[in-house]
Amino acid sequence: TFYCKRNLFEKFGYYSLNYGTAAD
């Protein structure tokens, strides 16, 4: 259900692969 503006990923980063199942 989570939708966000695409530019937020560019500004604040993508999903981190360092947190396992807690990345979201």
PDBML (XML) file of the C-alpha atoms, coordinates in Angstrom:
<?xml version="1.0" encoding="UTF-8" ?>
<PDBx:datablock datablockName="MODEL"
   xmlns:PDBx="http://pdbml.pdb.org/schema/pdbx-v50.xsd"
   xmlns:xsi="http://www.w3.org/2001/XMLSchema-instance"
   xsi:schemaLocation="http://pdbml.pdb.org/schema/pdbx-v50.xsd pdbx-v50.xsd">
   <PDBx:atom_siteCategory>
      <PDBx:atom_site id="1">
         <PDBx:B_iso_or_equiv>0.00</PDBx:B_iso_or_equiv>
         <PDBx:Cartn_x>0.000</PDBx:Cartn_x>
         <PDBx:Cartn_y>0.000</PDBx:Cartn_y>
         <PDBx:Cartn_z>0.000</PDBx:Cartn_z>
         <PDBx:auth_asym_id>A</PDBx:auth_asym_id>
         <PDBx:auth_atom_id>CA</PDBx:auth_atom_id>
         <PDBx:auth_comp_id>THR</PDBx:auth_comp_id>
         <PDBx:auth_seq_id>1</PDBx:auth_seq_id>
         <PDBx:group_PDB>ATOM</PDBx:group_PDB>
         <PDBx:label_alt_id xsi:nil="true" />
         <PDBx:label_asym_id>A</PDBx:label_asym_id>
         <PDBx:label_atom_id>CA</PDBx:label_atom_id>
         <PDBx:label_comp_id>THR</PDBx:label_comp_id>
         <PDBx:label_entity_id>1</PDBx:label_entity_id>
         <PDBx:label_seq_id>1</PDBx:label_seq_id>
         <PDBx:occupancy>1.00</PDBx:occupancy>
         <PDBx:pdbx_PDB_model_num>1</PDBx:pdbx_PDB_model_num>
         <PDBx:type_symbol>C</PDBx:type_symbol>
      </PDBx:atom_site>
      <PDBx:atom_site id="2">
         <PDBx:B_iso_or_equiv>0.00</PDBx:B_iso_or_equiv>
         <PDBx:Cartn_x>3.078</PDBx:Cartn_x>
         <PDBx:Cartn_y>2.247</PDBx:Cartn_y>
         <PDBx:Cartn_z>0.161</PDBx:Cartn_z>
         <PDBx:auth_asym_id>A</PDBx:auth_asym_id>
         <PDBx:auth_atom_id>CA</PDBx:auth_atom_id>
         <PDBx:auth_comp_id>PHE</PDBx:auth_comp_id>
         <PDBx:auth_seq_id>2</PDBx:auth_seq_id>
         <PDBx:group_PDB>ATOM</PDBx:group_PDB>
         <PDBx:label_alt_id xsi:nil="true" />
         <PDBx:label_asym_id>A</PDBx:label_asym_id>
         <PDBx:label_atom_id>CA</PDBx:label_atom_id>
         <PDBx:label_comp_id>PHE</PDBx:label_comp_id>
         <PDBx:label_entity_id>1</PDBx:label_entity_id>
         <PDBx:label_seq_id>2</PDBx:label_seq_id>
         <PDBx:occupancy>1.00</PDBx:occupancy>
         <PDBx:pdbx_PDB_model_num>1</PDBx:pdbx_PDB_model_num>
         <PDBx:type_symbol>C</PDBx:type_symbol>
      </PDBx:atom_site>
      <PDBx:atom_site id="3">
         <PDBx:B_iso_or_equiv>0.00</PDBx:B_iso_or_equiv>
         <PDBx:Cartn_x>3.525</PDBx:Cartn_x>
         <PDBx:Cartn_y>4.689</PDBx:Cartn_y>
         <PDBx:Cartn_z>-2.749</PDBx:Cartn_z>
         <PDBx:auth_asym_id>A</PDBx:auth_asym_id>
         <PDBx:auth_atom_id>CA</PDBx:auth_atom_id>
         <PDBx:auth_comp_id>TYR</PDBx:auth_comp_id>
         <PDBx:auth_seq_id>3</PDBx:auth_seq_id>
         <PDBx:group_PDB>ATOM</PDBx:group_PDB>
         <PDBx:label_alt_id xsi:nil="true" />
         <PDBx:label_asym_id>A</PDBx:label_asym_id>
         <PDBx:label_atom_id>CA</PDBx:label_atom_id>
         <PDBx:label_comp_id>TYR</PDBx:label_comp_id>
         <PDBx:label_entity_id>1</PDBx:label_entity_id>
         <PDBx:label_seq_id>3</PDBx:label_seq_id>
         <PDBx:occupancy>1.00</PDBx:occupancy>
         <PDBx:pdbx_PDB_model_num>1</PDBx:pdbx_PDB_model_num>
         <PDBx:type_symbol>C</PDBx:type_symbol>
      </PDBx:atom_site>
      <PDBx:atom_site id="4">
         <PDBx:B_iso_or_equiv>0.00</PDBx:B_iso_or_equiv>
         <PDBx:Cartn_x>6.071</PDBx:Cartn_x>
         <PDBx:Cartn_y>7.482</PDBx:Cartn_y>
         <PDBx:Cartn_z>-2.884</PDBx:Cartn_z>
         <PDBx:auth_asym_id>A</PDBx:auth_asym_id>
         <PDBx:auth_atom_id>CA</PDBx:auth_atom_id>
         <PDBx:auth_comp_id>CYS</PDBx:auth_comp_id>
         <PDBx:auth_seq_id>4</PDBx:auth_seq_id>
         <PDBx:group_PDB>ATOM</PDBx:group_PDB>
         <PDBx:label_alt_id xsi:nil="true" />
         <PDBx:label_asym_id>A</PDBx:label_asym_id>
         <PDBx:label_atom_id>CA</PDBx:label_atom_id>
         <PDBx:label_comp_id>CYS</PDBx:label_comp_id>
         <PDBx:label_entity_id>1</PDBx:label_entity_id>
         <PDBx:label_seq_id>4</PDBx:label_seq_id>
         <PDBx:occupancy>1.00</PDBx:occupancy>
         <PDBx:pdbx_PDB_model_num>1</PDBx:pdbx_PDB_model_num>
         <PDBx:type_symbol>C</PDBx:type_symbol>
      </PDBx:atom_site>
      <PDBx:atom_site id="5">
         <PDBx:B_iso_or_equiv>0.00</PDBx:B_iso_or_equiv>
         <PDBx:Cartn_x>7.398</PDBx:Cartn_x>
         <PDBx:Cartn_y>9.992</PDBx:Cartn_y>
         <PDBx:Cartn_z>-5.353</PDBx:Cartn_z>
         <PDBx:auth_asym_id>A</PDBx:auth_asym_id>
         <PDBx:auth_atom_id>CA</PDBx:auth_atom_id>
         <PDBx:auth_comp_id>LYS</PDBx:auth_comp_id>
         <PDBx:auth_seq_id>5</PDBx:auth_seq_id>
         <PDBx:group_PDB>ATOM</PDBx:group_PDB>
         <PDBx:label_alt_id xsi:nil="true" />
         <PDBx:label_asym_id>A</PDBx:label_asym_id>
         <PDBx:label_atom_id>CA</PDBx:label_atom_id>
         <PDBx:label_comp_id>LYS</PDBx:label_comp_id>
         <PDBx:label_entity_id>1</PDBx:label_entity_id>
         <PDBx:label_seq_id>5</PDBx:label_seq_id>
         <PDBx:occupancy>1.00</PDBx:occupancy>
         <PDBx:pdbx_PDB_model_num>1</PDBx:pdbx_PDB_model_num>
         <PDBx:type_symbol>C</PDBx:type_symbol>
      </PDBx:atom_site>
      <PDBx:atom_site id="6">
         <PDBx:B_iso_or_equiv>0.00</PDBx:B_iso_or_equiv>
         <PDBx:Cartn_x>10.224</PDBx:Cartn_x>
         <PDBx:Cartn_y>8.523</PDBx:Cartn_y>
         <PDBx:Cartn_z>-7.410</PDBx:Cartn_z>
         <PDBx:auth_asym_id>A</PDBx:auth_asym_id>
         <PDBx:auth_atom_id>CA</PDBx:auth_atom_id>
         <PDBx:auth_comp_id>ARG</PDBx:auth_comp_id>
         <PDBx:auth_seq_id>6</PDBx:auth_seq_id>
         <PDBx:group_PDB>ATOM</PDBx:group_PDB>
         <PDBx:label_alt_id xsi:nil="true" />
         <PDBx:label_asym_id>A</PDBx:label_asym_id>
         <PDBx:label_atom_id>CA</PDBx:label_atom_id>
         <PDBx:label_comp_id>ARG</PDBx:label_comp_id>
         <PDBx:label_entity_id>1</PDBx:label_entity_id>
         <PDBx:label_seq_id>6</PDBx:label_seq_id>
         <PDBx:occupancy>1.00</PDBx:occupancy>
         <PDBx:pdbx_PDB_model_num>1</PDBx:pdbx_PDB_model_num>
         <PDBx:type_symbol>C</PDBx:type_symbol>
      </PDBx:atom_site>
      <PDBx:atom_site id="7">
         <PDBx:B_iso_or_equiv>0.00</PDBx:B_iso_or_equiv>
         <PDBx:Cartn_x>12.582</PDBx:Cartn_x>
         <PDBx:Cartn_y>11.407</PDBx:Cartn_y>
         <PDBx:Cartn_z>-6.696</PDBx:Cartn_z>
         <PDBx:auth_asym_id>A</PDBx:auth_asym_id>
         <PDBx:auth_atom_id>CA</PDBx:auth_atom_id>
         <PDBx:auth_comp_id>ASN</PDBx:auth_comp_id>
         <PDBx:auth_seq_id>7</PDBx:auth_seq_id>
         <PDBx:group_PDB>ATOM</PDBx:group_PDB>
         <PDBx:label_alt_id xsi:nil="true" />
         <PDBx:label_asym_id>A</PDBx:label_asym_id>
         <PDBx:label_atom_id>CA</PDBx:label_atom_id>
         <PDBx:label_comp_id>ASN</PDBx:label_comp_id>
         <PDBx:label_entity_id>1</PDBx:label_entity_id>
         <PDBx:label_seq_id>7</PDBx:label_seq_id>
         <PDBx:occupancy>1.00</PDBx:occupancy>
         <PDBx:pdbx_PDB_model_num>1</PDBx:pdbx_PDB_model_num>
         <PDBx:type_symbol>C</PDBx:type_symbol>
      </PDBx:atom_site>
      <PDBx:atom_site id="8">
         <PDBx:B_iso_or_equiv>0.00</PDBx:B_iso_or_equiv>
         <PDBx:Cartn_x>12.663</PDBx:Cartn_x>
         <PDBx:Cartn_y>10.397</PDBx:Cartn_y>
         <PDBx:Cartn_z>-3.015</PDBx:Cartn_z>
         <PDBx:auth_asym_id>A</PDBx:auth_asym_id>
         <PDBx:auth_atom_id>CA</PDBx:auth_atom_id>
         <PDBx:auth_comp_id>LEU</PDBx:auth_comp_id>
         <PDBx:auth_seq_id>8</PDBx:auth_seq_id>
         <PDBx:group_PDB>ATOM</PDBx:group_PDB>
         <PDBx:label_alt_id xsi:nil="true" />
         <PDBx:label_asym_id>A</PDBx:label_asym_id>
         <PDBx:label_atom_id>CA</PDBx:label_atom_id>
         <PDBx:label_comp_id>LEU</PDBx:label_comp_id>
         <PDBx:label_entity_id>1</PDBx:label_entity_id>
         <PDBx:label_seq_id>8</PDBx:label_seq_id>
         <PDBx:occupancy>1.00</PDBx:occupancy>
         <PDBx:pdbx_PDB_model_num>1</PDBx:pdbx_PDB_model_num>
         <PDBx:type_symbol>C</PDBx:type_symbol>
      </PDBx:atom_site>
      <PDBx:atom_site id="9">
         <PDBx:B_iso_or_equiv>0.00</PDBx:B_iso_or_equiv>
         <PDBx:Cartn_x>14.770</PDBx:Cartn_x>
         <PDBx:Cartn_y>7.357</PDBx:Cartn_y>
         <PDBx:Cartn_z>-3.921</PDBx:Cartn_z>
         <PDBx:auth_asym_id>A</PDBx:auth_asym_id>
         <PDBx:auth_atom_id>CA</PDBx:auth_atom_id>
         <PDBx:auth_comp_id>PHE</PDBx:auth_comp_id>
         <PDBx:auth_seq_id>9</PDBx:auth_seq_id>
         <PDBx:group_PDB>ATOM</PDBx:group_PDB>
         <PDBx:label_alt_id xsi:nil="true" />
         <PDBx:label_asym_id>A</PDBx:label_asym_id>
         <PDBx:label_atom_id>CA</PDBx:label_atom_id>
         <PDBx:label_comp_id>PHE</PDBx:label_comp_id>
         <PDBx:label_entity_id>1</PDBx:label_entity_id>
         <PDBx:label_seq_id>9</PDBx:label_seq_id>
         <PDBx:occupancy>1.00</PDBx:occupancy>
         <PDBx:pdbx_PDB_model_num>1</PDBx:pdbx_PDB_model_num>
         <PDBx:type_symbol>C</PDBx:type_symbol>
      </PDBx:atom_site>
      <PDBx:atom_site id="10">
         <PDBx:B_iso_or_equiv>0.00</PDBx:B_iso_or_equiv>
         <PDBx:Cartn_x>17.208</PDBx:Cartn_x>
         <PDBx:Cartn_y>9.569</PDBx:Cartn_y>
         <PDBx:Cartn_z>-5.776</PDBx:Cartn_z>
         <PDBx:auth_asym_id>A</PDBx:auth_asym_id>
         <PDBx:auth_atom_id>CA</PDBx:auth_atom_id>
         <PDBx:auth_comp_id>GLU</PDBx:auth_comp_id>
         <PDBx:auth_seq_id>10</PDBx:auth_seq_id>
         <PDBx:group_PDB>ATOM</PDBx:group_PDB>
         <PDBx:label_alt_id xsi:nil="true" />
         <PDBx:label_asym_id>A</PDBx:label_asym_id>
         <PDBx:label_atom_id>CA</PDBx:label_atom_id>
         <PDBx:label_comp_id>GLU</PDBx:label_comp_id>
         <PDBx:label_entity_id>1</PDBx:label_entity_id>
         <PDBx:label_seq_id>10</PDBx:label_seq_id>
         <PDBx:occupancy>1.00</PDBx:occupancy>
         <PDBx:pdbx_PDB_model_num>1</PDBx:pdbx_PDB_model_num>
         <PDBx:type_symbol>C</PDBx:type_symbol>
      </PDBx:atom_site>
      <PDBx:atom_site id="11">
         <PDBx:B_iso_or_equiv>0.00</PDBx:B_iso_or_equiv>
         <PDBx:Cartn_x>17.384</PDBx:Cartn_x>
         <PDBx:Cartn_y>12.011</PDBx:Cartn_y>
         <PDBx:Cartn_z>-2.862</PDBx:Cartn_z>
         <PDBx:auth_asym_id>A</PDBx:auth_asym_id>
         <PDBx:auth_atom_id>CA</PDBx:auth_atom_id>
         <PDBx:auth_comp_id>LYS</PDBx:auth_comp_id>
         <PDBx:auth_seq_id>11</PDBx:auth_seq_id>
         <PDBx:group_PDB>ATOM</PDBx:group_PDB>
         <PDBx:label_alt_id xsi:nil="true" />
         <PDBx:label_asym_id>A</PDBx:label_asym_id>
         <PDBx:label_atom_id>CA</PDBx:label_atom_id>
         <PDBx:label_comp_id>LYS</PDBx:label_comp_id>
         <PDBx:label_entity_id>1</PDBx:label_entity_id>
         <PDBx:label_seq_id>11</PDBx:label_seq_id>
         <PDBx:occupancy>1.00</PDBx:occupancy>
         <PDBx:pdbx_PDB_model_num>1</PDBx:pdbx_PDB_model_num>
         <PDBx:type_symbol>C</PDBx:type_symbol>
      </PDBx:atom_site>
      <PDBx:atom_site id="12">
         <PDBx:B_iso_or_equiv>0.00</PDBx:B_iso_or_equiv>
         <PDBx:Cartn_x>17.289</PDBx:Cartn_x>
         <PDBx:Cartn_y>9.657</PDBx:Cartn_y>
         <PDBx:Cartn_z>0.154</PDBx:Cartn_z>
         <PDBx:auth_asym_id>A</PDBx:auth_asym_id>
         <PDBx:auth_atom_id>CA</PDBx:auth_atom_id>
         <PDBx:auth_comp_id>PHE</PDBx:auth_comp_id>
         <PDBx:auth_seq_id>12</PDBx:auth_seq_id>
         <PDBx:group_PDB>ATOM</PDBx:group_PDB>
         <PDBx:label_alt_id xsi:nil="true" />
         <PDBx:label_asym_id>A</PDBx:label_asym_id>
         <PDBx:label_atom_id>CA</PDBx:label_atom_id>
         <PDBx:label_comp_id>PHE</PDBx:label_comp_id>
         <PDBx:label_entity_id>1</PDBx:label_entity_id>
         <PDBx:label_seq_id>12</PDBx:label_seq_id>
         <PDBx:occupancy>1.00</PDBx:occupancy>
         <PDBx:pdbx_PDB_model_num>1</PDBx:pdbx_PDB_model_num>
         <PDBx:type_symbol>C</PDBx:type_symbol>
      </PDBx:atom_site>
      <PDBx:atom_site id="13">
         <PDBx:B_iso_or_equiv>0.00</PDBx:B_iso_or_equiv>
         <PDBx:Cartn_x>18.485</PDBx:Cartn_x>
         <PDBx:Cartn_y>6.333</PDBx:Cartn_y>
         <PDBx:Cartn_z>-1.249</PDBx:Cartn_z>
         <PDBx:auth_asym_id>A</PDBx:auth_asym_id>
         <PDBx:auth_atom_id>CA</PDBx:auth_atom_id>
         <PDBx:auth_comp_id>GLY</PDBx:auth_comp_id>
         <PDBx:auth_seq_id>13</PDBx:auth_seq_id>
         <PDBx:group_PDB>ATOM</PDBx:group_PDB>
         <PDBx:label_alt_id xsi:nil="true" />
         <PDBx:label_asym_id>A</PDBx:label_asym_id>
         <PDBx:label_atom_id>CA</PDBx:label_atom_id>
         <PDBx:label_comp_id>GLY</PDBx:label_comp_id>
         <PDBx:label_entity_id>1</PDBx:label_entity_id>
         <PDBx:label_seq_id>13</PDBx:label_seq_id>
         <PDBx:occupancy>1.00</PDBx:occupancy>
         <PDBx:pdbx_PDB_model_num>1</PDBx:pdbx_PDB_model_num>
         <PDBx:type_symbol>C</PDBx:type_symbol>
      </PDBx:atom_site>
      <PDBx:atom_site id="14">
         <PDBx:B_iso_or_equiv>0.00</PDBx:B_iso_or_equiv>
         <PDBx:Cartn_x>17.094</PDBx:Cartn_x>
         <PDBx:Cartn_y>2.971</PDBx:Cartn_y>
         <PDBx:Cartn_z>-2.256</PDBx:Cartn_z>
         <PDBx:auth_asym_id>A</PDBx:auth_asym_id>
         <PDBx:auth_atom_id>CA</PDBx:auth_atom_id>
         <PDBx:auth_comp_id>TYR</PDBx:auth_comp_id>
         <PDBx:auth_seq_id>14</PDBx:auth_seq_id>
         <PDBx:group_PDB>ATOM</PDBx:group_PDB>
         <PDBx:label_alt_id xsi:nil="true" />
         <PDBx:label_asym_id>A</PDBx:label_asym_id>
         <PDBx:label_atom_id>CA</PDBx:label_atom_id>
         <PDBx:label_comp_id>TYR</PDBx:label_comp_id>
         <PDBx:label_entity_id>1</PDBx:label_entity_id>
         <PDBx:label_seq_id>14</PDBx:label_seq_id>
         <PDBx:occupancy>1.00</PDBx:occupancy>
         <PDBx:pdbx_PDB_model_num>1</PDBx:pdbx_PDB_model_num>
         <PDBx:type_symbol>C</PDBx:type_symbol>
      </PDBx:atom_site>
      <PDBx:atom_site id="15">
         <PDBx:B_iso_or_equiv>0.00</PDBx:B_iso_or_equiv>
         <PDBx:Cartn_x>16.314</PDBx:Cartn_x>
         <PDBx:Cartn_y>-0.104</PDBx:Cartn_y>
         <PDBx:Cartn_z>-0.183</PDBx:Cartn_z>
         <PDBx:auth_asym_id>A</PDBx:auth_asym_id>
         <PDBx:auth_atom_id>CA</PDBx:auth_atom_id>
         <PDBx:auth_comp_id>TYR</PDBx:auth_comp_id>
         <PDBx:auth_seq_id>15</PDBx:auth_seq_id>
         <PDBx:group_PDB>ATOM</PDBx:group_PDB>
         <PDBx:label_alt_id xsi:nil="true" />
         <PDBx:label_asym_id>A</PDBx:label_asym_id>
         <PDBx:label_atom_id>CA</PDBx:label_atom_id>
         <PDBx:label_comp_id>TYR</PDBx:label_comp_id>
         <PDBx:label_entity_id>1</PDBx:label_entity_id>
         <PDBx:label_seq_id>15</PDBx:label_seq_id>
         <PDBx:occupancy>1.00</PDBx:occupancy>
         <PDBx:pdbx_PDB_model_num>1</PDBx:pdbx_PDB_model_num>
         <PDBx:type_symbol>C</PDBx:type_symbol>
      </PDBx:atom_site>
      <PDBx:atom_site id="16">
         <PDBx:B_iso_or_equiv>0.00</PDBx:B_iso_or_equiv>
         <PDBx:Cartn_x>19.408</PDBx:Cartn_x>
         <PDBx:Cartn_y>-0.997</PDBx:Cartn_y>
         <PDBx:Cartn_z>1.812</PDBx:Cartn_z>
         <PDBx:auth_asym_id>A</PDBx:auth_asym_id>
         <PDBx:auth_atom_id>CA</PDBx:auth_atom_id>
         <PDBx:auth_comp_id>SER</PDBx:auth_comp_id>
         <PDBx:auth_seq_id>16</PDBx:auth_seq_id>
         <PDBx:group_PDB>ATOM</PDBx:group_PDB>
         <PDBx:label_alt_id xsi:nil="true" />
         <PDBx:label_asym_id>A</PDBx:label_asym_id>
         <PDBx:label_atom_id>CA</PDBx:label_atom_id>
         <PDBx:label_comp_id>SER</PDBx:label_comp_id>
         <PDBx:label_entity_id>1</PDBx:label_entity_id>
         <PDBx:label_seq_id>16</PDBx:label_seq_id>
         <PDBx:occupancy>1.00</PDBx:occupancy>
         <PDBx:pdbx_PDB_model_num>1</PDBx:pdbx_PDB_model_num>
         <PDBx:type_symbol>C</PDBx:type_symbol>
      </PDBx:atom_site>
      <PDBx:atom_site id="17">
         <PDBx:B_iso_or_equiv>0.00</PDBx:B_iso_or_equiv>
         <PDBx:Cartn_x>20.578</PDBx:Cartn_x>
         <PDBx:Cartn_y>-4.575</PDBx:Cartn_y>
         <PDBx:Cartn_z>1.412</PDBx:Cartn_z>
         <PDBx:auth_asym_id>A</PDBx:auth_asym_id>
         <PDBx:auth_atom_id>CA</PDBx:auth_atom_id>
         <PDBx:auth_comp_id>LEU</PDBx:auth_comp_id>
         <PDBx:auth_seq_id>17</PDBx:auth_seq_id>
         <PDBx:group_PDB>ATOM</PDBx:group_PDB>
         <PDBx:label_alt_id xsi:nil="true" />
         <PDBx:label_asym_id>A</PDBx:label_asym_id>
         <PDBx:label_atom_id>CA</PDBx:label_atom_id>
         <PDBx:label_comp_id>LEU</PDBx:label_comp_id>
         <PDBx:label_entity_id>1</PDBx:label_entity_id>
         <PDBx:label_seq_id>17</PDBx:label_seq_id>
         <PDBx:occupancy>1.00</PDBx:occupancy>
         <PDBx:pdbx_PDB_model_num>1</PDBx:pdbx_PDB_model_num>
         <PDBx:type_symbol>C</PDBx:type_symbol>
      </PDBx:atom_site>
      <PDBx:atom_site id="18">
         <PDBx:B_iso_or_equiv>0.00</PDBx:B_iso_or_equiv>
         <PDBx:Cartn_x>22.166</PDBx:Cartn_x>
         <PDBx:Cartn_y>-4.398</PDBx:Cartn_y>
         <PDBx:Cartn_z>4.875</PDBx:Cartn_z>
         <PDBx:auth_asym_id>A</PDBx:auth_asym_id>
         <PDBx:auth_atom_id>CA</PDBx:auth_atom_id>
         <PDBx:auth_comp_id>ASN</PDBx:auth_comp_id>
         <PDBx:auth_seq_id>18</PDBx:auth_seq_id>
         <PDBx:group_PDB>ATOM</PDBx:group_PDB>
         <PDBx:label_alt_id xsi:nil="true" />
         <PDBx:label_asym_id>A</PDBx:label_asym_id>
         <PDBx:label_atom_id>CA</PDBx:label_atom_id>
         <PDBx:label_comp_id>ASN</PDBx:label_comp_id>
         <PDBx:label_entity_id>1</PDBx:label_entity_id>
         <PDBx:label_seq_id>18</PDBx:label_seq_id>
         <PDBx:occupancy>1.00</PDBx:occupancy>
         <PDBx:pdbx_PDB_model_num>1</PDBx:pdbx_PDB_model_num>
         <PDBx:type_symbol>C</PDBx:type_symbol>
      </PDBx:atom_site>
      <PDBx:atom_site id="19">
         <PDBx:B_iso_or_equiv>0.00</PDBx:B_iso_or_equiv>
         <PDBx:Cartn_x>18.957</PDBx:Cartn_x>
         <PDBx:Cartn_y>-4.944</PDBx:Cartn_y>
         <PDBx:Cartn_z>6.856</PDBx:Cartn_z>
         <PDBx:auth_asym_id>A</PDBx:auth_asym_id>
         <PDBx:auth_atom_id>CA</PDBx:auth_atom_id>
         <PDBx:auth_comp_id>TYR</PDBx:auth_comp_id>
         <PDBx:auth_seq_id>19</PDBx:auth_seq_id>
         <PDBx:group_PDB>ATOM</PDBx:group_PDB>
         <PDBx:label_alt_id xsi:nil="true" />
         <PDBx:label_asym_id>A</PDBx:label_asym_id>
         <PDBx:label_atom_id>CA</PDBx:label_atom_id>
         <PDBx:label_comp_id>TYR</PDBx:label_comp_id>
         <PDBx:label_entity_id>1</PDBx:label_entity_id>
         <PDBx:label_seq_id>19</PDBx:label_seq_id>
         <PDBx:occupancy>1.00</PDBx:occupancy>
         <PDBx:pdbx_PDB_model_num>1</PDBx:pdbx_PDB_model_num>
         <PDBx:type_symbol>C</PDBx:type_symbol>
      </PDBx:atom_site>
      <PDBx:atom_site id="20">
         <PDBx:B_iso_or_equiv>0.00</PDBx:B_iso_or_equiv>
         <PDBx:Cartn_x>17.608</PDBx:Cartn_x>
         <PDBx:Cartn_y>-8.252</PDBx:Cartn_y>
         <PDBx:Cartn_z>5.560</PDBx:Cartn_z>
         <PDBx:auth_asym_id>A</PDBx:auth_asym_id>
         <PDBx:auth_atom_id>CA</PDBx:auth_atom_id>
         <PDBx:auth_comp_id>GLY</PDBx:auth_comp_id>
         <PDBx:auth_seq_id>20</PDBx:auth_seq_id>
         <PDBx:group_PDB>ATOM</PDBx:group_PDB>
         <PDBx:label_alt_id xsi:nil="true" />
         <PDBx:label_asym_id>A</PDBx:label_asym_id>
         <PDBx:label_atom_id>CA</PDBx:label_atom_id>
         <PDBx:label_comp_id>GLY</PDBx:label_comp_id>
         <PDBx:label_entity_id>1</PDBx:label_entity_id>
         <PDBx:label_seq_id>20</PDBx:label_seq_id>
         <PDBx:occupancy>1.00</PDBx:occupancy>
         <PDBx:pdbx_PDB_model_num>1</PDBx:pdbx_PDB_model_num>
         <PDBx:type_symbol>C</PDBx:type_symbol>
      </PDBx:atom_site>
      <PDBx:atom_site id="21">
         <PDBx:B_iso_or_equiv>0.00</PDBx:B_iso_or_equiv>
         <PDBx:Cartn_x>13.842</PDBx:Cartn_x>
         <PDBx:Cartn_y>-8.491</PDBx:Cartn_y>
         <PDBx:Cartn_z>5.884</PDBx:Cartn_z>
         <PDBx:auth_asym_id>A</PDBx:auth_asym_id>
         <PDBx:auth_atom_id>CA</PDBx:auth_atom_id>
         <PDBx:auth_comp_id>THR</PDBx:auth_comp_id>
         <PDBx:auth_seq_id>21</PDBx:auth_seq_id>
         <PDBx:group_PDB>ATOM</PDBx:group_PDB>
         <PDBx:label_alt_id xsi:nil="true" />
         <PDBx:label_asym_id>A</PDBx:label_asym_id>
         <PDBx:label_atom_id>CA</PDBx:label_atom_id>
         <PDBx:label_comp_id>THR</PDBx:label_comp_id>
         <PDBx:label_entity_id>1</PDBx:label_entity_id>
         <PDBx:label_seq_id>21</PDBx:label_seq_id>
         <PDBx:occupancy>1.00</PDBx:occupancy>
         <PDBx:pdbx_PDB_model_num>1</PDBx:pdbx_PDB_model_num>
         <PDBx:type_symbol>C</PDBx:type_symbol>
      </PDBx:atom_site>
      <PDBx:atom_site id="22">
         <PDBx:B_iso_or_equiv>0.00</PDBx:B_iso_or_equiv>
         <PDBx:Cartn_x>13.722</PDBx:Cartn_x>
         <PDBx:Cartn_y>-5.142</PDBx:Cartn_y>
         <PDBx:Cartn_z>7.699</PDBx:Cartn_z>
         <PDBx:auth_asym_id>A</PDBx:auth_asym_id>
         <PDBx:auth_atom_id>CA</PDBx:auth_atom_id>
         <PDBx:auth_comp_id>ALA</PDBx:auth_comp_id>
         <PDBx:auth_seq_id>22</PDBx:auth_seq_id>
         <PDBx:group_PDB>ATOM</PDBx:group_PDB>
         <PDBx:label_alt_id xsi:nil="true" />
         <PDBx:label_asym_id>A</PDBx:label_asym_id>
         <PDBx:label_atom_id>CA</PDBx:label_atom_id>
         <PDBx:label_comp_id>ALA</PDBx:label_comp_id>
         <PDBx:label_entity_id>1</PDBx:label_entity_id>
         <PDBx:label_seq_id>22</PDBx:label_seq_id>
         <PDBx:occupancy>1.00</PDBx:occupancy>
         <PDBx:pdbx_PDB_model_num>1</PDBx:pdbx_PDB_model_num>
         <PDBx:type_symbol>C</PDBx:type_symbol>
      </PDBx:atom_site>
      <PDBx:atom_site id="23">
         <PDBx:B_iso_or_equiv>0.00</PDBx:B_iso_or_equiv>
         <PDBx:Cartn_x>14.808</PDBx:Cartn_x>
         <PDBx:Cartn_y>-3.160</PDBx:Cartn_y>
         <PDBx:Cartn_z>4.617</PDBx:Cartn_z>
         <PDBx:auth_asym_id>A</PDBx:auth_asym_id>
         <PDBx:auth_atom_id>CA</PDBx:auth_atom_id>
         <PDBx:auth_comp_id>ALA</PDBx:auth_comp_id>
         <PDBx:auth_seq_id>23</PDBx:auth_seq_id>
         <PDBx:group_PDB>ATOM</PDBx:group_PDB>
         <PDBx:label_alt_id xsi:nil="true" />
         <PDBx:label_asym_id>A</PDBx:label_asym_id>
         <PDBx:label_atom_id>CA</PDBx:label_atom_id>
         <PDBx:label_comp_id>ALA</PDBx:label_comp_id>
         <PDBx:label_entity_id>1</PDBx:label_entity_id>
         <PDBx:label_seq_id>23</PDBx:label_seq_id>
         <PDBx:occupancy>1.00</PDBx:occupancy>
         <PDBx:pdbx_PDB_model_num>1</PDBx:pdbx_PDB_model_num>
         <PDBx:type_symbol>C</PDBx:type_symbol>
      </PDBx:atom_site>
      <PDBx:atom_site id="24">
         <PDBx:B_iso_or_equiv>0.00</PDBx:B_iso_or_equiv>
         <PDBx:Cartn_x>11.285</PDBx:Cartn_x>
         <PDBx:Cartn_y>-1.874</PDBx:Cartn_y>
         <PDBx:Cartn_z>3.963</PDBx:Cartn_z>
         <PDBx:auth_asym_id>A</PDBx:auth_asym_id>
         <PDBx:auth_atom_id>CA</PDBx:auth_atom_id>
         <PDBx:auth_comp_id>ASP</PDBx:auth_comp_id>
         <PDBx:auth_seq_id>24</PDBx:auth_seq_id>
         <PDBx:group_PDB>ATOM</PDBx:group_PDB>
         <PDBx:label_alt_id xsi:nil="true" />
         <PDBx:label_asym_id>A</PDBx:label_asym_id>
         <PDBx:label_atom_id>CA</PDBx:label_atom_id>
         <PDBx:label_comp_id>ASP</PDBx:label_comp_id>
         <PDBx:label_entity_id>1</PDBx:label_entity_id>
         <PDBx:label_seq_id>24</PDBx:label_seq_id>
         <PDBx:occupancy>1.00</PDBx:occupancy>
         <PDBx:pdbx_PDB_model_num>1</PDBx:pdbx_PDB_model_num>
         <PDBx:type_symbol>C</PDBx:type_symbol>
      </PDBx:atom_site>
   </PDBx:atom_siteCategory>
</PDBx:datablock>
